[in-house]
Amino acid sequence: MWFSPLVILPIESELLNKTPPLSPNCTVTELVLDNCRSSEGKIEGITEEFSNLELLSLINVGLTSVADIPKLGKLKKLELSDNRISGGLEVLAERLVNLTHLNLSGNKFKDISTLEPLKKLPQLKSLDLFNCEVTNLADYRESIFKLLPQLTYLDGYDIDDCEASDSDGEGDGVEDEDEEGERSCCICMW
């Protein structure tokens, strides 16, 4: 049986606590929950059952905390832009050990010290902080690259102010088939 690499399931935000019906042959690797409003500012409905996630997008969902993010060992890209997060990033280092791309743009980070927990993410290569107050600090870029030497890109540019190319792993897509030839699925909810 063949499965589409993209499954779009429109659901109401109050249904986020229920896992969508999936075929046992379908591995969810991308989950996009952009604009699904969180009632209490917390991550809801995402459990360790989504263990194959490589991309999780929670843009503009009203988050104030990431404390409830589950352990997702395969997650590489986390999109958290346009929320109200101001700290508590320690949990990301504990539960998302393979994270390579993190977008925190449009959140409430005011000082460099709130980003220190990201030092414990050795795979982190790209960090976006556009429209965060921290970007207004003197020597912001220099300070972040010093704090996080594992970074290749900050706000889309390397330490020498060269822009990241599309071939630098910034793409959102995953292969239609994995190494064993199984189909992957992407679930988009709004």
N, C-alpha and C. Protein backbone atom coordinates (compact mmCIF):
# COMPACT_ATOMS: atom_id res chain seq x y z
N MET A 1 0.83 -1.17 0.00
CA MET A 1 0.00 0.00 0.00
C MET A 1 0.88 1.24 0.00
N TRP A 2 0.54 2.26 -0.78
CA TRP A 2 1.32 3.48 -0.90
C TRP A 2 0.68 4.57 -0.05
N PHE A 3 1.51 5.36 0.64
CA PHE A 3 1.02 6.46 1.46
C PHE A 3 1.61 7.76 0.96
N SER A 4 0.80 8.77 0.93
CA SER A 4 1.25 10.09 0.52
C SER A 4 2.27 10.63 1.52
N PRO A 5 3.31 11.32 1.04
CA PRO A 5 4.29 11.89 1.97
C PRO A 5 3.73 13.08 2.75
N LEU A 6 2.57 13.60 2.35
CA LEU A 6 1.98 14.74 3.04
C LEU A 6 0.55 14.42 3.38
N VAL A 7 0.23 14.45 4.66
CA VAL A 7 -1.13 14.25 5.13
C VAL A 7 -1.53 15.53 5.83
N ILE A 8 -2.60 16.16 5.37
CA ILE A 8 -3.05 17.40 5.98
C ILE A 8 -4.35 17.12 6.71
N LEU A 9 -4.35 17.37 8.02
CA LEU A 9 -5.51 17.11 8.85
C LEU A 9 -5.93 18.40 9.54
N PRO A 10 -6.93 19.12 9.00
CA PRO A 10 -7.37 20.32 9.70
C PRO A 10 -8.13 19.93 10.96
N ILE A 11 -7.72 20.47 12.10
CA ILE A 11 -8.41 20.18 13.35
C ILE A 11 -8.54 21.45 14.15
N GLU A 12 -9.47 21.44 15.07
CA GLU A 12 -9.64 22.57 15.97
C GLU A 12 -8.60 22.47 17.07
N SER A 13 -8.17 23.59 17.61
CA SER A 13 -7.10 23.58 18.61
C SER A 13 -7.48 22.79 19.85
N GLU A 14 -8.77 22.69 20.19
CA GLU A 14 -9.15 21.93 21.37
C GLU A 14 -8.98 20.42 21.17
N LEU A 15 -8.75 19.99 19.95
CA LEU A 15 -8.54 18.57 19.67
C LEU A 15 -7.07 18.19 19.70
N LEU A 16 -6.19 19.13 20.01
CA LEU A 16 -4.76 18.84 19.99
C LEU A 16 -4.35 17.75 20.98
N ASN A 17 -5.15 17.49 22.00
CA ASN A 17 -4.81 16.46 22.96
C ASN A 17 -5.10 15.06 22.45
N LYS A 18 -5.64 14.96 21.25
CA LYS A 18 -5.91 13.66 20.66
C LYS A 18 -4.98 13.45 19.48
N THR A 19 -4.32 12.32 19.47
CA THR A 19 -3.42 12.00 18.38
C THR A 19 -4.25 11.68 17.14
N PRO A 20 -3.93 12.25 15.98
CA PRO A 20 -4.68 11.97 14.78
C PRO A 20 -4.51 10.51 14.37
N PRO A 21 -5.53 9.94 13.71
CA PRO A 21 -5.43 8.54 13.30
C PRO A 21 -4.37 8.38 12.22
N LEU A 22 -3.46 7.46 12.43
CA LEU A 22 -2.39 7.21 11.48
C LEU A 22 -2.32 5.74 11.17
N SER A 23 -1.91 5.45 9.97
CA SER A 23 -1.68 4.07 9.58
C SER A 23 -0.45 3.55 10.30
N PRO A 24 -0.43 2.27 10.68
CA PRO A 24 0.76 1.72 11.32
C PRO A 24 1.99 1.76 10.42
N ASN A 25 1.80 1.89 9.10
CA ASN A 25 2.92 1.94 8.16
C ASN A 25 3.40 3.37 7.91
N CYS A 26 2.83 4.33 8.59
CA CYS A 26 3.15 5.73 8.35
C CYS A 26 3.95 6.28 9.53
N THR A 27 5.11 6.81 9.26
CA THR A 27 5.97 7.39 10.28
C THR A 27 5.90 8.90 10.18
N VAL A 28 5.43 9.57 11.23
CA VAL A 28 5.33 11.02 11.22
C VAL A 28 6.71 11.61 11.48
N THR A 29 7.22 12.36 10.51
CA THR A 29 8.53 12.98 10.64
C THR A 29 8.44 14.50 10.74
N GLU A 30 7.32 15.07 10.32
CA GLU A 30 7.12 16.52 10.39
C GLU A 30 5.74 16.79 10.97
N LEU A 31 5.69 17.69 11.93
CA LEU A 31 4.42 18.07 12.55
C LEU A 31 4.36 19.59 12.60
N VAL A 32 3.38 20.15 11.90
CA VAL A 32 3.23 21.60 11.80
C VAL A 32 1.92 21.99 12.49
N LEU A 33 2.04 22.71 13.60
CA LEU A 33 0.88 23.14 14.38
C LEU A 33 0.80 24.66 14.45
N ASP A 34 1.31 25.32 13.44
CA ASP A 34 1.32 26.78 13.40
C ASP A 34 -0.09 27.34 13.59
N ASN A 35 -0.19 28.38 14.41
CA ASN A 35 -1.43 29.11 14.66
C ASN A 35 -2.50 28.33 15.42
N CYS A 36 -2.19 27.15 15.93
CA CYS A 36 -3.09 26.43 16.84
C CYS A 36 -2.86 27.02 18.22
N ARG A 37 -3.81 27.75 18.73
CA ARG A 37 -3.61 28.49 19.97
C ARG A 37 -3.56 27.57 21.19
N SER A 38 -2.55 27.76 22.01
CA SER A 38 -2.41 27.05 23.27
C SER A 38 -3.23 27.78 24.33
N SER A 39 -4.10 27.05 25.00
CA SER A 39 -4.99 27.70 25.96
C SER A 39 -4.26 28.19 27.21
N GLU A 40 -3.18 27.53 27.61
CA GLU A 40 -2.48 27.91 28.83
C GLU A 40 -1.03 28.32 28.58
N GLY A 41 -0.65 28.53 27.34
CA GLY A 41 0.72 28.92 27.03
C GLY A 41 1.71 27.78 27.10
N LYS A 42 1.21 26.55 27.13
CA LYS A 42 2.06 25.37 27.22
C LYS A 42 1.91 24.51 25.98
N ILE A 43 2.90 23.66 25.76
CA ILE A 43 2.82 22.69 24.66
C ILE A 43 1.83 21.61 25.06
N GLU A 44 0.85 21.39 24.19
CA GLU A 44 -0.20 20.42 24.48
C GLU A 44 -0.30 19.40 23.35
N GLY A 45 -0.61 18.16 23.71
CA GLY A 45 -0.93 17.14 22.72
C GLY A 45 0.24 16.51 22.00
N ILE A 46 1.45 16.91 22.30
CA ILE A 46 2.62 16.31 21.67
C ILE A 46 3.28 15.42 22.71
N THR A 47 3.38 14.14 22.38
CA THR A 47 3.92 13.17 23.33
C THR A 47 5.14 12.48 22.74
N GLU A 48 5.76 11.63 23.54
CA GLU A 48 6.91 10.85 23.08
C GLU A 48 6.52 9.84 22.01
N GLU A 49 5.21 9.65 21.77
CA GLU A 49 4.77 8.78 20.69
C GLU A 49 5.20 9.32 19.33
N PHE A 50 5.49 10.59 19.25
CA PHE A 50 5.98 11.21 18.02
C PHE A 50 7.50 11.09 17.97
N SER A 51 8.01 9.94 18.29
CA SER A 51 9.46 9.72 18.44
C SER A 51 10.25 9.87 17.15
N ASN A 52 9.59 9.80 16.00
CA ASN A 52 10.29 9.93 14.72
C ASN A 52 10.29 11.35 14.16
N LEU A 53 9.76 12.29 14.92
CA LEU A 53 9.72 13.67 14.44
C LEU A 53 11.12 14.20 14.18
N GLU A 54 11.29 14.82 13.03
CA GLU A 54 12.52 15.51 12.68
C GLU A 54 12.29 17.02 12.64
N LEU A 55 11.04 17.43 12.40
CA LEU A 55 10.68 18.84 12.36
C LEU A 55 9.40 19.03 13.16
N LEU A 56 9.41 20.00 14.05
CA LEU A 56 8.23 20.38 14.82
C LEU A 56 8.09 21.89 14.71
N SER A 57 6.94 22.34 14.23
CA SER A 57 6.70 23.76 14.05
C SER A 57 5.51 24.20 14.92
N LEU A 58 5.80 25.11 15.84
CA LEU A 58 4.80 25.66 16.76
C LEU A 58 4.85 27.19 16.68
N ILE A 59 4.69 27.70 15.48
CA ILE A 59 4.77 29.14 15.25
C ILE A 59 3.44 29.80 15.63
N ASN A 60 3.54 30.88 16.41
CA ASN A 60 2.38 31.69 16.78
C ASN A 60 1.26 30.86 17.43
N VAL A 61 1.63 30.10 18.45
CA VAL A 61 0.61 29.33 19.17
C VAL A 61 0.36 29.88 20.57
N GLY A 62 1.03 30.96 20.95
CA GLY A 62 0.81 31.57 22.26
C GLY A 62 1.59 30.92 23.39
N LEU A 63 2.70 30.27 23.06
CA LEU A 63 3.50 29.60 24.09
C LEU A 63 4.21 30.61 24.98
N THR A 64 4.22 30.33 26.28
CA THR A 64 5.04 31.08 27.22
C THR A 64 6.10 30.18 27.83
N SER A 65 5.97 28.87 27.60
CA SER A 65 6.89 27.89 28.19
C SER A 65 7.09 26.71 27.24
N VAL A 66 8.29 26.13 27.31
CA VAL A 66 8.57 24.89 26.57
C VAL A 66 8.77 23.73 27.54
N ALA A 67 8.40 23.92 28.80
CA ALA A 67 8.63 22.92 29.84
C ALA A 67 7.98 21.58 29.54
N ASP A 68 6.89 21.57 28.79
CA ASP A 68 6.17 20.32 28.53
C ASP A 68 6.55 19.64 27.22
N ILE A 69 7.63 20.08 26.60
CA ILE A 69 8.04 19.41 25.37
C ILE A 69 8.56 18.01 25.74
N PRO A 70 8.10 16.98 25.02
CA PRO A 70 8.55 15.63 25.36
C PRO A 70 9.95 15.35 24.82
N LYS A 71 10.51 14.24 25.24
CA LYS A 71 11.80 13.81 24.71
C LYS A 71 11.58 13.34 23.27
N LEU A 72 12.28 13.99 22.34
CA LEU A 72 12.17 13.69 20.92
C LEU A 72 13.59 13.56 20.37
N GLY A 73 14.15 12.38 20.47
CA GLY A 73 15.55 12.15 20.15
C GLY A 73 15.95 12.36 18.71
N LYS A 74 14.99 12.31 17.77
CA LYS A 74 15.31 12.49 16.36
C LYS A 74 15.03 13.90 15.86
N LEU A 75 14.47 14.75 16.71
CA LEU A 75 14.11 16.10 16.29
C LEU A 75 15.35 16.90 15.93
N LYS A 76 15.34 17.46 14.72
CA LYS A 76 16.46 18.27 14.24
C LYS A 76 16.10 19.74 14.13
N LYS A 77 14.84 20.03 13.81
CA LYS A 77 14.45 21.41 13.58
C LYS A 77 13.22 21.75 14.41
N LEU A 78 13.33 22.82 15.21
CA LEU A 78 12.24 23.27 16.06
C LEU A 78 11.94 24.73 15.76
N GLU A 79 10.72 24.98 15.34
CA GLU A 79 10.26 26.33 15.00
C GLU A 79 9.34 26.83 16.11
N LEU A 80 9.80 27.84 16.86
CA LEU A 80 9.03 28.40 17.98
C LEU A 80 8.83 29.90 17.83
N SER A 81 8.90 30.42 16.62
CA SER A 81 8.83 31.87 16.44
C SER A 81 7.44 32.41 16.76
N ASP A 82 7.42 33.70 17.08
CA ASP A 82 6.19 34.45 17.33
C ASP A 82 5.36 33.88 18.47
N ASN A 83 6.03 33.56 19.57
CA ASN A 83 5.38 33.16 20.80
C ASN A 83 5.78 34.16 21.88
N ARG A 84 5.61 33.80 23.16
CA ARG A 84 5.95 34.71 24.27
C ARG A 84 6.92 34.04 25.23
N ILE A 85 7.82 33.24 24.72
CA ILE A 85 8.80 32.51 25.53
C ILE A 85 9.90 33.47 25.95
N SER A 86 10.28 33.42 27.23
CA SER A 86 11.32 34.33 27.72
C SER A 86 12.46 33.61 28.44
N GLY A 87 12.37 32.30 28.56
CA GLY A 87 13.41 31.53 29.25
C GLY A 87 13.03 30.07 29.32
N GLY A 88 13.67 29.34 30.23
CA GLY A 88 13.34 27.94 30.42
C GLY A 88 13.85 27.02 29.33
N LEU A 89 14.93 27.40 28.67
CA LEU A 89 15.45 26.60 27.55
C LEU A 89 16.23 25.37 27.99
N GLU A 90 16.45 25.20 29.29
CA GLU A 90 17.18 24.03 29.79
C GLU A 90 16.55 22.73 29.31
N VAL A 91 15.23 22.71 29.25
CA VAL A 91 14.52 21.50 28.86
C VAL A 91 14.84 21.08 27.42
N LEU A 92 15.14 22.03 26.56
CA LEU A 92 15.49 21.69 25.18
C LEU A 92 16.78 20.89 25.14
N ALA A 93 17.76 21.29 25.94
CA ALA A 93 19.04 20.59 25.98
C ALA A 93 18.89 19.19 26.56
N GLU A 94 17.94 19.02 27.46
CA GLU A 94 17.72 17.72 28.09
C GLU A 94 16.95 16.76 27.19
N ARG A 95 16.00 17.27 26.42
CA ARG A 95 15.07 16.40 25.69
C ARG A 95 15.24 16.38 24.18
N LEU A 96 15.97 17.32 23.62
CA LEU A 96 16.12 17.42 22.16
C LEU A 96 17.60 17.38 21.80
N VAL A 97 18.25 16.30 22.13
CA VAL A 97 19.71 16.21 22.06
C VAL A 97 20.28 16.31 20.64
N ASN A 98 19.48 16.07 19.61
CA ASN A 98 19.98 16.13 18.23
C ASN A 98 19.52 17.37 17.48
N LEU A 99 19.04 18.36 18.20
CA LEU A 99 18.54 19.58 17.57
C LEU A 99 19.66 20.31 16.83
N THR A 100 19.41 20.64 15.56
CA THR A 100 20.39 21.36 14.75
C THR A 100 19.93 22.77 14.39
N HIS A 101 18.62 22.99 14.31
CA HIS A 101 18.06 24.28 13.92
C HIS A 101 17.00 24.69 14.94
N LEU A 102 17.12 25.90 15.46
CA LEU A 102 16.17 26.41 16.45
C LEU A 102 15.79 27.84 16.07
N ASN A 103 14.50 28.06 15.89
CA ASN A 103 14.00 29.39 15.56
C ASN A 103 13.21 29.93 16.76
N LEU A 104 13.76 30.94 17.41
CA LEU A 104 13.13 31.59 18.56
C LEU A 104 12.74 33.03 18.22
N SER A 105 12.69 33.37 16.96
CA SER A 105 12.37 34.74 16.53
C SER A 105 11.03 35.20 17.10
N GLY A 106 10.96 36.48 17.42
CA GLY A 106 9.70 37.06 17.86
C GLY A 106 9.27 36.61 19.25
N ASN A 107 10.20 36.19 20.09
CA ASN A 107 9.89 35.83 21.47
C ASN A 107 10.39 36.92 22.41
N LYS A 108 10.41 36.66 23.69
CA LYS A 108 10.67 37.69 24.71
C LYS A 108 12.05 37.58 25.35
N PHE A 109 13.05 37.11 24.62
CA PHE A 109 14.40 36.98 25.18
C PHE A 109 15.05 38.36 25.23
N LYS A 110 15.46 38.75 26.46
CA LYS A 110 16.00 40.10 26.66
C LYS A 110 17.50 40.12 26.86
N ASP A 111 18.07 39.04 27.41
CA ASP A 111 19.51 39.06 27.65
C ASP A 111 20.15 37.73 27.27
N ILE A 112 21.44 37.80 27.04
CA ILE A 112 22.23 36.66 26.57
C ILE A 112 22.15 35.48 27.54
N SER A 113 22.11 35.75 28.83
CA SER A 113 22.14 34.67 29.82
C SER A 113 20.97 33.70 29.69
N THR A 114 19.83 34.17 29.17
CA THR A 114 18.69 33.27 29.01
C THR A 114 18.94 32.22 27.93
N LEU A 115 19.96 32.44 27.10
CA LEU A 115 20.28 31.51 26.02
C LEU A 115 21.39 30.53 26.40
N GLU A 116 21.97 30.69 27.57
CA GLU A 116 23.07 29.82 28.00
C GLU A 116 22.77 28.33 27.96
N PRO A 117 21.55 27.89 28.28
CA PRO A 117 21.28 26.45 28.21
C PRO A 117 21.53 25.83 26.84
N LEU A 118 21.52 26.65 25.80
CA LEU A 118 21.75 26.14 24.44
C LEU A 118 23.18 25.66 24.25
N LYS A 119 24.07 26.01 25.18
CA LYS A 119 25.45 25.50 25.12
C LYS A 119 25.47 23.97 25.20
N LYS A 120 24.44 23.41 25.80
CA LYS A 120 24.37 21.96 25.99
C LYS A 120 23.76 21.24 24.79
N LEU A 121 23.60 21.94 23.68
CA LEU A 121 23.12 21.34 22.43
C LEU A 121 24.28 21.32 21.43
N PRO A 122 25.13 20.30 21.48
CA PRO A 122 26.34 20.29 20.65
C PRO A 122 26.07 20.23 19.15
N GLN A 123 24.89 19.75 18.75
CA GLN A 123 24.56 19.65 17.32
C GLN A 123 23.95 20.93 16.76
N LEU A 124 23.63 21.90 17.62
CA LEU A 124 22.95 23.11 17.18
C LEU A 124 23.84 23.91 16.23
N LYS A 125 23.37 24.08 15.01
CA LYS A 125 24.14 24.79 13.98
C LYS A 125 23.51 26.12 13.58
N SER A 126 22.19 26.23 13.74
CA SER A 126 21.49 27.43 13.28
C SER A 126 20.52 27.90 14.36
N LEU A 127 20.62 29.19 14.71
CA LEU A 127 19.75 29.80 15.71
C LEU A 127 19.21 31.11 15.14
N ASP A 128 17.90 31.29 15.22
CA ASP A 128 17.28 32.53 14.77
C ASP A 128 16.64 33.24 15.95
N LEU A 129 16.99 34.52 16.10
CA LEU A 129 16.48 35.34 17.19
C LEU A 129 15.94 36.68 16.69
N PHE A 130 15.58 36.76 15.40
CA PHE A 130 15.02 38.00 14.85
C PHE A 130 13.90 38.52 15.76
N ASN A 131 13.80 39.81 15.88
CA ASN A 131 12.71 40.45 16.62
C ASN A 131 12.62 40.03 18.09
N CYS A 132 13.73 39.65 18.67
CA CYS A 132 13.83 39.45 20.12
C CYS A 132 14.63 40.63 20.66
N GLU A 133 14.29 41.10 21.85
CA GLU A 133 14.99 42.25 22.43
C GLU A 133 16.50 42.03 22.55
N VAL A 134 16.91 40.79 22.73
CA VAL A 134 18.34 40.48 22.89
C VAL A 134 19.15 40.94 21.68
N THR A 135 18.53 41.03 20.52
CA THR A 135 19.26 41.44 19.32
C THR A 135 19.65 42.92 19.34
N ASN A 136 19.07 43.69 20.26
CA ASN A 136 19.39 45.12 20.38
C ASN A 136 20.61 45.38 21.25
N LEU A 137 21.13 44.36 21.91
CA LEU A 137 22.29 44.53 22.78
C LEU A 137 23.55 44.81 21.96
N ALA A 138 24.44 45.59 22.55
CA ALA A 138 25.73 45.86 21.90
C ALA A 138 26.49 44.54 21.72
N ASP A 139 27.13 44.38 20.59
CA ASP A 139 27.91 43.17 20.29
C ASP A 139 27.10 41.88 20.40
N TYR A 140 25.82 41.97 20.07
CA TYR A 140 24.92 40.81 20.15
C TYR A 140 25.46 39.60 19.40
N ARG A 141 25.78 39.75 18.13
CA ARG A 141 26.23 38.62 17.32
C ARG A 141 27.53 38.04 17.86
N GLU A 142 28.47 38.88 18.17
CA GLU A 142 29.76 38.43 18.71
C GLU A 142 29.54 37.67 20.02
N SER A 143 28.67 38.18 20.87
CA SER A 143 28.40 37.54 22.16
C SER A 143 27.76 36.17 21.99
N ILE A 144 26.83 36.06 21.06
CA ILE A 144 26.15 34.77 20.84
C ILE A 144 27.12 33.75 20.26
N PHE A 145 27.92 34.14 19.27
CA PHE A 145 28.88 33.19 18.70
C PHE A 145 29.92 32.77 19.74
N LYS A 146 30.26 33.65 20.65
CA LYS A 146 31.19 33.30 21.72
C LYS A 146 30.54 32.33 22.72
N LEU A 147 29.29 32.59 23.06
CA LEU A 147 28.55 31.74 23.99
C LEU A 147 28.28 30.36 23.40
N LEU A 148 27.97 30.34 22.11
CA LEU A 148 27.58 29.10 21.42
C LEU A 148 28.53 28.82 20.26
N PRO A 149 29.74 28.36 20.54
CA PRO A 149 30.73 28.15 19.48
C PRO A 149 30.34 27.07 18.47
N GLN A 150 29.38 26.24 18.81
CA GLN A 150 28.94 25.20 17.88
C GLN A 150 28.08 25.77 16.75
N LEU A 151 27.59 27.00 16.89
CA LEU A 151 26.74 27.61 15.86
C LEU A 151 27.52 27.88 14.59
N THR A 152 26.86 27.62 13.47
CA THR A 152 27.37 28.02 12.17
C THR A 152 26.65 29.29 11.72
N TYR A 153 25.34 29.35 12.00
CA TYR A 153 24.52 30.48 11.54
C TYR A 153 23.72 31.08 12.69
N LEU A 154 23.71 32.39 12.74
CA LEU A 154 22.87 33.15 13.66
C LEU A 154 22.05 34.11 12.82
N ASP A 155 20.75 33.99 12.91
CA ASP A 155 19.84 34.82 12.12
C ASP A 155 20.14 34.72 10.62
N GLY A 156 20.51 33.53 10.18
CA GLY A 156 20.73 33.28 8.76
C GLY A 156 22.10 33.66 8.22
N TYR A 157 23.01 34.11 9.10
CA TYR A 157 24.35 34.53 8.67
C TYR A 157 25.41 33.88 9.54
N ASP A 158 26.55 33.56 8.93
CA ASP A 158 27.64 32.97 9.71
C ASP A 158 28.42 34.07 10.44
N ILE A 159 29.47 33.68 11.12
CA ILE A 159 30.25 34.62 11.93
C ILE A 159 30.89 35.73 11.08
N ASP A 160 31.11 35.46 9.79
CA ASP A 160 31.69 36.44 8.87
C ASP A 160 30.63 37.22 8.10
N ASP A 161 29.39 37.14 8.53
CA ASP A 161 28.25 37.81 7.90
C ASP A 161 27.95 37.30 6.49
N CYS A 162 28.28 36.04 6.22
CA CYS A 162 27.91 35.42 4.95
C CYS A 162 26.57 34.72 5.14
N GLU A 163 25.66 34.95 4.21
CA GLU A 163 24.32 34.39 4.31
C GLU A 163 24.34 32.88 4.09
N ALA A 164 23.48 32.18 4.83
CA ALA A 164 23.34 30.73 4.67
C ALA A 164 22.72 30.44 3.32
N SER A 165 23.24 29.42 2.64
CA SER A 165 22.66 29.02 1.37
C SER A 165 21.60 27.96 1.62
N ASP A 166 20.74 27.73 0.64
CA ASP A 166 19.71 26.71 0.76
C ASP A 166 20.29 25.32 0.94
N SER A 167 21.50 25.10 0.47
CA SER A 167 22.12 23.78 0.55
C SER A 167 22.74 23.50 1.92
N ASP A 168 22.61 24.45 2.85
CA ASP A 168 23.18 24.27 4.19
C ASP A 168 22.23 23.58 5.15
N GLY A 169 21.28 22.83 4.63
CA GLY A 169 20.39 22.08 5.50
C GLY A 169 19.26 22.90 6.09
N GLU A 170 18.96 24.05 5.47
CA GLU A 170 17.89 24.88 6.00
C GLU A 170 16.52 24.45 5.49
N GLY A 171 16.48 23.55 4.53
CA GLY A 171 15.20 23.14 3.97
C GLY A 171 14.33 22.43 4.98
N ASP A 172 13.01 22.49 4.76
CA ASP A 172 12.08 21.88 5.68
C ASP A 172 11.68 20.47 5.27
N GLY A 173 12.06 20.05 4.07
CA GLY A 173 11.57 18.78 3.58
C GLY A 173 12.33 17.59 4.12
N VAL A 174 11.65 16.47 4.14
CA VAL A 174 12.30 15.21 4.44
C VAL A 174 12.06 14.29 3.26
N GLU A 175 12.90 13.31 3.13
CA GLU A 175 12.78 12.39 2.02
C GLU A 175 11.44 11.66 2.07
N ASP A 176 10.91 11.31 0.90
CA ASP A 176 9.65 10.57 0.84
C ASP A 176 9.80 9.16 1.38
N GLU A 177 10.98 8.59 1.24
CA GLU A 177 11.22 7.26 1.74
C GLU A 177 12.45 7.27 2.61
N ASP A 178 12.43 6.45 3.67
CA ASP A 178 13.60 6.36 4.51
C ASP A 178 14.50 5.24 4.01
N GLU A 179 15.54 4.93 4.77
CA GLU A 179 16.53 3.95 4.32
C GLU A 179 15.93 2.57 4.06
N GLU A 180 14.86 2.22 4.79
CA GLU A 180 14.25 0.91 4.60
C GLU A 180 13.18 0.93 3.52
N GLY A 181 12.99 2.07 2.86
CA GLY A 181 12.00 2.17 1.80
C GLY A 181 10.59 2.42 2.31
N GLU A 182 10.43 2.75 3.60
CA GLU A 182 9.11 3.02 4.14
C GLU A 182 8.73 4.46 3.84
N ARG A 183 7.43 4.69 3.70
CA ARG A 183 6.92 6.02 3.44
C ARG A 183 6.92 6.85 4.72
N SER A 184 7.20 8.13 4.58
CA SER A 184 7.13 9.05 5.71
C SER A 184 5.91 9.94 5.54
N CYS A 185 5.42 10.46 6.62
CA CYS A 185 4.26 11.34 6.58
C CYS A 185 4.56 12.65 7.28
N CYS A 186 3.90 13.66 6.80
CA CYS A 186 3.95 14.98 7.43
C CYS A 186 2.53 15.32 7.82
N ILE A 187 2.33 15.77 9.04
CA ILE A 187 0.99 16.15 9.47
C ILE A 187 0.99 17.65 9.69
N CYS A 188 0.09 18.32 9.02
CA CYS A 188 -0.06 19.76 9.18
C CYS A 188 -1.43 20.02 9.79
N MET A 189 -1.46 20.76 10.88
CA MET A 189 -2.73 21.04 11.55
C MET A 189 -2.87 22.53 11.74
N TRP A 190 -4.07 23.02 11.56
CA TRP A 190 -4.32 24.43 11.81
C TRP A 190 -5.72 24.63 12.32
